[in-house]
Amino acid sequence: MLLFCTKCVLTLLLFIFFHQSIENLEGQIADALTDRNKAAETISKLQVRLLLFMVSYLFNSVSEFKEKLHIMSY
């Protein structure tokens, strides 16, 4: 009888341990997903900024080129 109770207690302790481990892993996964979403958002913002910079640079280059052509045509 005592052996049976000991097995029950050990089983219960293992269940509690594994349950806590699973909860910890779930929390870590949630944190990792949050970090990944923040990183994806940051990357998207940087892509937009880079695109705007490139368009601005190209626009300025084209404007300067047109100005030079305009000056050369006189």
PDB file of N, CA and C in Angstrom:
ATOM      1  N   MET A   1       0.825  -1.197   0.000  1.00  0.00           N
ATOM      2  CA  MET A   1       0.000   0.000   0.000  1.00  0.00           C
ATOM      3  C   MET A   1       0.870   1.262   0.000  1.00  0.00           C
ATOM      4  N   LEU A   2       1.911   1.262   0.838  1.00  0.00           N
ATOM      5  CA  LEU A   2       2.805   2.414   0.917  1.00  0.00           C
ATOM      6  C   LEU A   2       3.521   2.634  -0.413  1.00  0.00           C
ATOM      7  N   LEU A   3       3.911   1.543  -1.064  1.00  0.00           N
ATOM      8  CA  LEU A   3       4.576   1.619  -2.361  1.00  0.00           C
ATOM      9  C   LEU A   3       3.646   2.242  -3.400  1.00  0.00           C
ATOM     10  N   PHE A   4       2.379   1.874  -3.373  1.00  0.00           N
ATOM     11  CA  PHE A   4       1.390   2.427  -4.305  1.00  0.00           C
ATOM     12  C   PHE A   4       1.246   3.936  -4.091  1.00  0.00           C
ATOM     13  N   CYS A   5       1.187   4.389  -2.828  1.00  0.00           N
ATOM     14  CA  CYS A   5       1.056   5.821  -2.528  1.00  0.00           C
ATOM     15  C   CYS A   5       2.295   6.590  -2.972  1.00  0.00           C
ATOM     16  N   THR A   6       3.464   5.978  -2.791  1.00  0.00           N
ATOM     17  CA  THR A   6       4.709   6.613  -3.212  1.00  0.00           C
ATOM     18  C   THR A   6       4.713   6.814  -4.729  1.00  0.00           C
ATOM     19  N   LYS A   7       4.251   5.798  -5.467  1.00  0.00           N
ATOM     20  CA  LYS A   7       4.173   5.913  -6.917  1.00  0.00           C
ATOM     21  C   LYS A   7       3.185   7.017  -7.307  1.00  0.00           C
ATOM     22  N   CYS A   8       2.083   7.097  -6.594  1.00  0.00           N
ATOM     23  CA  CYS A   8       1.093   8.137  -6.884  1.00  0.00           C
ATOM     24  C   CYS A   8       1.679   9.529  -6.652  1.00  0.00           C
ATOM     25  N   VAL A   9       2.399   9.679  -5.552  1.00  0.00           N
ATOM     26  CA  VAL A   9       3.000  10.975  -5.229  1.00  0.00           C
ATOM     27  C   VAL A   9       4.056  11.336  -6.273  1.00  0.00           C
ATOM     28  N   LEU A  10       4.887  10.364  -6.643  1.00  0.00           N
ATOM     29  CA  LEU A  10       5.910  10.616  -7.658  1.00  0.00           C
ATOM     30  C   LEU A  10       5.273  10.970  -9.005  1.00  0.00           C
ATOM     31  N   THR A  11       4.212  10.266  -9.354  1.00  0.00           N
ATOM     32  CA  THR A  11       3.503  10.555 -10.597  1.00  0.00           C
ATOM     33  C   THR A  11       2.927  11.962 -10.560  1.00  0.00           C
ATOM     34  N   LEU A  12       2.345  12.330  -9.445  1.00  0.00           N
ATOM     35  CA  LEU A  12       1.774  13.664  -9.291  1.00  0.00           C
ATOM     36  C   LEU A  12       2.860  14.736  -9.380  1.00  0.00           C
ATOM     37  N   LEU A  13       3.992  14.496  -8.733  1.00  0.00           N
ATOM     38  CA  LEU A  13       5.096  15.449  -8.791  1.00  0.00           C
ATOM     39  C   LEU A  13       5.640  15.605 -10.213  1.00  0.00           C
ATOM     40  N   LEU A  14       5.765  14.480 -10.931  1.00  0.00           N
ATOM     41  CA  LEU A  14       6.219  14.544 -12.313  1.00  0.00           C
ATOM     42  C   LEU A  14       5.214  15.303 -13.183  1.00  0.00           C
ATOM     43  N   PHE A  15       3.932  15.067 -12.947  1.00  0.00           N
ATOM     44  CA  PHE A  15       2.900  15.768 -13.695  1.00  0.00           C
ATOM     45  C   PHE A  15       3.000  17.278 -13.455  1.00  0.00           C
ATOM     46  N   ILE A  16       3.163  17.670 -12.203  1.00  0.00           N
ATOM     47  CA  ILE A  16       3.279  19.088 -11.867  1.00  0.00           C
ATOM     48  C   ILE A  16       4.513  19.690 -12.524  1.00  0.00           C
ATOM     49  N   PHE A  17       5.634  18.959 -12.452  1.00  0.00           N
ATOM     50  CA  PHE A  17       6.881  19.448 -13.060  1.00  0.00           C
ATOM     51  C   PHE A  17       6.716  19.644 -14.561  1.00  0.00           C
ATOM     52  N   PHE A  18       6.175  18.631 -15.240  1.00  0.00           N
ATOM     53  CA  PHE A  18       6.009  18.726 -16.690  1.00  0.00           C
ATOM     54  C   PHE A  18       4.984  19.786 -17.072  1.00  0.00           C
ATOM     55  N   HIS A  19       3.957  19.944 -16.272  1.00  0.00           N
ATOM     56  CA  HIS A  19       2.958  20.971 -16.534  1.00  0.00           C
ATOM     57  C   HIS A  19       3.594  22.360 -16.447  1.00  0.00           C
ATOM     58  N   GLN A  20       4.411  22.583 -15.440  1.00  0.00           N
ATOM     59  CA  GLN A  20       5.105  23.864 -15.302  1.00  0.00           C
ATOM     60  C   GLN A  20       6.090  24.083 -16.453  1.00  0.00           C
ATOM     61  N   SER A  21       6.765  23.002 -16.854  1.00  0.00           N
ATOM     62  CA  SER A  21       7.708  23.112 -17.974  1.00  0.00           C
ATOM     63  C   SER A  21       6.974  23.487 -19.254  1.00  0.00           C
ATOM     64  N   ILE A  22       5.817  22.897 -19.472  1.00  0.00           N
ATOM     65  CA  ILE A  22       5.029  23.212 -20.662  1.00  0.00           C
ATOM     66  C   ILE A  22       4.555  24.651 -20.616  1.00  0.00           C
ATOM     67  N   GLU A  23       4.111  25.123 -19.446  1.00  0.00           N
ATOM     68  CA  GLU A  23       3.694  26.522 -19.322  1.00  0.00           C
ATOM     69  C   GLU A  23       4.853  27.470 -19.608  1.00  0.00           C
ATOM     70  N   ASN A  24       6.046  27.117 -19.112  1.00  0.00           N
ATOM     71  CA  ASN A  24       7.225  27.943 -19.378  1.00  0.00           C
ATOM     72  C   ASN A  24       7.546  27.981 -20.872  1.00  0.00           C
ATOM     73  N   LEU A  25       7.462  26.831 -21.525  1.00  0.00           N
ATOM     74  CA  LEU A  25       7.725  26.782 -22.960  1.00  0.00           C
ATOM     75  C   LEU A  25       6.693  27.580 -23.741  1.00  0.00           C
ATOM     76  N   GLU A  26       5.442  27.519 -23.321  1.00  0.00           N
ATOM     77  CA  GLU A  26       4.402  28.307 -23.986  1.00  0.00           C
ATOM     78  C   GLU A  26       4.691  29.801 -23.864  1.00  0.00           C
ATOM     79  N   GLY A  27       5.145  30.208 -22.683  1.00  0.00           N
ATOM     80  CA  GLY A  27       5.504  31.609 -22.471  1.00  0.00           C
ATOM     81  C   GLY A  27       6.679  32.024 -23.340  1.00  0.00           C
ATOM     82  N   GLN A  28       7.676  31.153 -23.449  1.00  0.00           N
ATOM     83  CA  GLN A  28       8.839  31.452 -24.283  1.00  0.00           C
ATOM     84  C   GLN A  28       8.450  31.543 -25.754  1.00  0.00           C
ATOM     85  N   ILE A  29       7.556  30.668 -26.180  1.00  0.00           N
ATOM     86  CA  ILE A  29       7.090  30.706 -27.572  1.00  0.00           C
ATOM     87  C   ILE A  29       6.322  32.001 -27.835  1.00  0.00           C
ATOM     88  N   ALA A  30       5.477  32.396 -26.899  1.00  0.00           N
ATOM     89  CA  ALA A  30       4.722  33.645 -27.056  1.00  0.00           C
ATOM     90  C   ALA A  30       5.671  34.841 -27.134  1.00  0.00           C
ATOM     91  N   ASP A  31       6.700  34.849 -26.289  1.00  0.00           N
ATOM     92  CA  ASP A  31       7.690  35.935 -26.326  1.00  0.00           C
ATOM     93  C   ASP A  31       8.445  35.944 -27.658  1.00  0.00           C
ATOM     94  N   ALA A  32       8.814  34.764 -28.131  1.00  0.00           N
ATOM     95  CA  ALA A  32       9.543  34.676 -29.401  1.00  0.00           C
ATOM     96  C   ALA A  32       8.680  35.172 -30.552  1.00  0.00           C
ATOM     97  N   LEU A  33       7.395  34.829 -30.539  1.00  0.00           N
ATOM     98  CA  LEU A  33       6.498  35.300 -31.598  1.00  0.00           C
ATOM     99  C   LEU A  33       6.329  36.815 -31.554  1.00  0.00           C
ATOM    100  N   THR A  34       6.245  37.358 -30.349  1.00  0.00           N
ATOM    101  CA  THR A  34       6.147  38.816 -30.201  1.00  0.00           C
ATOM    102  C   THR A  34       7.402  39.480 -30.754  1.00  0.00           C
ATOM    103  N   ASP A  35       8.561  38.948 -30.400  1.00  0.00           N
ATOM    104  CA  ASP A  35       9.825  39.492 -30.905  1.00  0.00           C
ATOM    105  C   ASP A  35       9.905  39.394 -32.425  1.00  0.00           C
ATOM    106  N   ARG A  36       9.446  38.259 -32.965  1.00  0.00           N
ATOM    107  CA  ARG A  36       9.474  38.075 -34.416  1.00  0.00           C
ATOM    108  C   ARG A  36       8.562  39.089 -35.106  1.00  0.00           C
ATOM    109  N   ASN A  37       7.386  39.326 -34.539  1.00  0.00           N
ATOM    110  CA  ASN A  37       6.458  40.288 -35.126  1.00  0.00           C
ATOM    111  C   ASN A  37       7.033  41.705 -35.083  1.00  0.00           C
ATOM    112  N   LYS A  38       7.689  42.043 -33.966  1.00  0.00           N
ATOM    113  CA  LYS A  38       8.319  43.362 -33.865  1.00  0.00           C
ATOM    114  C   LYS A  38       9.437  43.497 -34.895  1.00  0.00           C
ATOM    115  N   ALA A  39      10.220  42.430 -35.069  1.00  0.00           N
ATOM    116  CA  ALA A  39      11.308  42.461 -36.050  1.00  0.00           C
ATOM    117  C   ALA A  39      10.747  42.610 -37.462  1.00  0.00           C
ATOM    118  N   ALA A  40       9.681  41.888 -37.758  1.00  0.00           N
ATOM    119  CA  ALA A  40       9.071  41.985 -39.089  1.00  0.00           C
ATOM    120  C   ALA A  40       8.540  43.389 -39.341  1.00  0.00           C
ATOM    121  N   GLU A  41       7.954  43.994 -38.316  1.00  0.00           N
ATOM    122  CA  GLU A  41       7.446  45.361 -38.446  1.00  0.00           C
ATOM    123  C   GLU A  41       8.598  46.347 -38.678  1.00  0.00           C
ATOM    124  N   THR A  42       9.681  46.160 -37.950  1.00  0.00           N
ATOM    125  CA  THR A  42      10.849  47.028 -38.114  1.00  0.00           C
ATOM    126  C   THR A  42      11.433  46.883 -39.517  1.00  0.00           C
ATOM    127  N   ILE A  43      11.523  45.648 -39.999  1.00  0.00           N
ATOM    128  CA  ILE A  43      12.046  45.409 -41.345  1.00  0.00           C
ATOM    129  C   ILE A  43      11.161  46.085 -42.380  1.00  0.00           C
ATOM    130  N   SER A  44       9.848  45.973 -42.209  1.00  0.00           N
ATOM    131  CA  SER A  44       8.923  46.613 -43.153  1.00  0.00           C
ATOM    132  C   SER A  44       9.103  48.126 -43.158  1.00  0.00           C
ATOM    133  N   LYS A  45       9.241  48.709 -41.987  1.00  0.00           N
ATOM    134  CA  LYS A  45       9.443  50.159 -41.898  1.00  0.00           C
ATOM    135  C   LYS A  45      10.751  50.565 -42.572  1.00  0.00           C
ATOM    136  N   LEU A  46      11.806  49.778 -42.357  1.00  0.00           N
ATOM    137  CA  LEU A  46      13.093  50.083 -42.976  1.00  0.00           C
ATOM    138  C   LEU A  46      13.014  49.944 -44.496  1.00  0.00           C
ATOM    139  N   GLN A  47      12.258  48.955 -44.971  1.00  0.00           N
ATOM    140  CA  GLN A  47      12.101  48.794 -46.416  1.00  0.00           C
ATOM    141  C   GLN A  47      11.397  50.004 -47.025  1.00  0.00           C
ATOM    142  N   VAL A  48      10.370  50.497 -46.341  1.00  0.00           N
ATOM    143  CA  VAL A  48       9.658  51.673 -46.833  1.00  0.00           C
ATOM    144  C   VAL A  48      10.580  52.883 -46.852  1.00  0.00           C
ATOM    145  N   ARG A  49      11.333  53.064 -45.777  1.00  0.00           N
ATOM    146  CA  ARG A  49      12.263  54.202 -45.716  1.00  0.00           C
ATOM    147  C   ARG A  49      13.319  54.118 -46.813  1.00  0.00           C
ATOM    148  N   LEU A  50      13.837  52.912 -47.032  1.00  0.00           N
ATOM    149  CA  LEU A  50      14.833  52.731 -48.085  1.00  0.00           C
ATOM    150  C   LEU A  50      14.232  53.027 -49.450  1.00  0.00           C
ATOM    151  N   LEU A  51      13.036  52.563 -49.685  1.00  0.00           N
ATOM    152  CA  LEU A  51      12.361  52.826 -50.956  1.00  0.00           C
ATOM    153  C   LEU A  51      12.141  54.325 -51.148  1.00  0.00           C
ATOM    154  N   LEU A  52      11.674  54.996 -50.101  1.00  0.00           N
ATOM    155  CA  LEU A  52      11.465  56.446 -50.192  1.00  0.00           C
ATOM    156  C   LEU A  52      12.777  57.176 -50.440  1.00  0.00           C
ATOM    157  N   PHE A  53      13.830  56.738 -49.782  1.00  0.00           N
ATOM    158  CA  PHE A  53      15.143  57.344 -49.997  1.00  0.00           C
ATOM    159  C   PHE A  53      15.594  57.156 -51.445  1.00  0.00           C
ATOM    160  N   MET A  54      15.421  55.939 -51.961  1.00  0.00           N
ATOM    161  CA  MET A  54      15.840  55.662 -53.337  1.00  0.00           C
ATOM    162  C   MET A  54      15.036  56.482 -54.338  1.00  0.00           C
ATOM    163  N   VAL A  55      13.741  56.575 -54.126  1.00  0.00           N
ATOM    164  CA  VAL A  55      12.893  57.369 -55.019  1.00  0.00           C
ATOM    165  C   VAL A  55      13.304  58.835 -54.947  1.00  0.00           C
ATOM    166  N   SER A  56      13.522  59.316 -53.744  1.00  0.00           N
ATOM    167  CA  SER A  56      13.948  60.708 -53.570  1.00  0.00           C
ATOM    168  C   SER A  56      15.290  60.950 -54.264  1.00  0.00           C
ATOM    169  N   TYR A  57      16.215  60.027 -54.086  1.00  0.00           N
ATOM    170  CA  TYR A  57      17.534  60.159 -54.718  1.00  0.00           C
ATOM    171  C   TYR A  57      17.398  60.155 -56.231  1.00  0.00           C
ATOM    172  N   LEU A  58      16.613  59.215 -56.761  1.00  0.00           N
ATOM    173  CA  LEU A  58      16.428  59.144 -58.208  1.00  0.00           C
ATOM    174  C   LEU A  58      15.745  60.403 -58.736  1.00  0.00           C
ATOM    175  N   PHE A  59      14.744  60.873 -57.994  1.00  0.00           N
ATOM    176  CA  PHE A  59      14.038  62.075 -58.424  1.00  0.00           C
ATOM    177  C   PHE A  59      14.991  63.263 -58.476  1.00  0.00           C
ATOM    178  N   ASN A  60      15.810  63.390 -57.441  1.00  0.00           N
ATOM    179  CA  ASN A  60      16.788  64.489 -57.418  1.00  0.00           C
ATOM    180  C   ASN A  60      17.800  64.337 -58.546  1.00  0.00           C
ATOM    181  N   SER A  61      18.228  63.121 -58.807  1.00  0.00           N
ATOM    182  CA  SER A  61      19.189  62.891 -59.884  1.00  0.00           C
ATOM    183  C   SER A  61      18.578  63.234 -61.226  1.00  0.00           C
ATOM    184  N   VAL A  62      17.340  62.843 -61.439  1.00  0.00           N
ATOM    185  CA  VAL A  62      16.666  63.149 -62.700  1.00  0.00           C
ATOM    186  C   VAL A  62      16.476  64.650 -62.833  1.00  0.00           C
ATOM    187  N   SER A  63      16.077  65.288 -61.738  1.00  0.00           N
ATOM    188  CA  SER A  63      15.901  66.748 -61.772  1.00  0.00           C
ATOM    189  C   SER A  63      17.206  67.448 -62.102  1.00  0.00           C
ATOM    190  N   GLU A  64      18.292  67.017 -61.475  1.00  0.00           N
ATOM    191  CA  GLU A  64      19.594  67.616 -61.745  1.00  0.00           C
ATOM    192  C   GLU A  64      20.016  67.355 -63.189  1.00  0.00           C
ATOM    193  N   PHE A  65      19.746  66.158 -63.673  1.00  0.00           N
ATOM    194  CA  PHE A  65      20.087  65.818 -65.046  1.00  0.00           C
ATOM    195  C   PHE A  65      19.305  66.691 -66.027  1.00  0.00           C
ATOM    196  N   LYS A  66      18.010  66.868 -65.756  1.00  0.00           N
ATOM    197  CA  LYS A  66      17.190  67.731 -66.619  1.00  0.00           C
ATOM    198  C   LYS A  66      17.691  69.170 -66.596  1.00  0.00           C
ATOM    199  N   GLU A  67      18.092  69.621 -65.402  1.00  0.00           N
ATOM    200  CA  GLU A  67      18.626  70.983 -65.296  1.00  0.00           C
ATOM    201  C   GLU A  67      19.900  71.125 -66.123  1.00  0.00           C
ATOM    202  N   LYS A  68      20.767  70.121 -66.080  1.00  0.00           N
ATOM    203  CA  LYS A  68      22.001  70.173 -66.861  1.00  0.00           C
ATOM    204  C   LYS A  68      21.705  70.146 -68.350  1.00  0.00           C
ATOM    205  N   LEU A  69      20.740  69.335 -68.740  1.00  0.00           N
ATOM    206  CA  LEU A  69      20.353  69.305 -70.149  1.00  0.00           C
ATOM    207  C   LEU A  69      19.783  70.653 -70.579  1.00  0.00           C
ATOM    208  N   HIS A  70      18.998  71.225 -69.699  1.00  0.00           N
ATOM    209  CA  HIS A  70      18.398  72.521 -70.003  1.00  0.00           C
ATOM    210  C   HIS A  70      19.489  73.584 -70.171  1.00  0.00           C
ATOM    211  N   ILE A  71      20.469  73.541 -69.310  1.00  0.00           N
ATOM    212  CA  ILE A  71      21.582  74.503 -69.400  1.00  0.00           C
ATOM    213  C   ILE A  71      22.388  74.260 -70.659  1.00  0.00           C
ATOM    214  N   MET A  72      22.620  73.013 -71.020  1.00  0.00           N
ATOM    215  CA  MET A  72      23.425  72.672 -72.176  1.00  0.00           C
ATOM    216  C   MET A  72      22.716  73.029 -73.480  1.00  0.00           C
ATOM    217  N   SER A  73      21.400  73.070 -73.467  1.00  0.00           N
ATOM    218  CA  SER A  73      20.677  73.333 -74.702  1.00  0.00           C
ATOM    219  C   SER A  73      20.741  74.810 -75.099  1.00  0.00           C
ATOM    220  N   TYR A  74      21.175  75.678 -74.181  1.00  0.00           N
ATOM    221  CA  TYR A  74      21.258  77.106 -74.533  1.00  0.00           C
ATOM    222  C   TYR A  74      22.523  77.412 -75.230  1.00  0.00           C
TER     223      TYR A  74
END
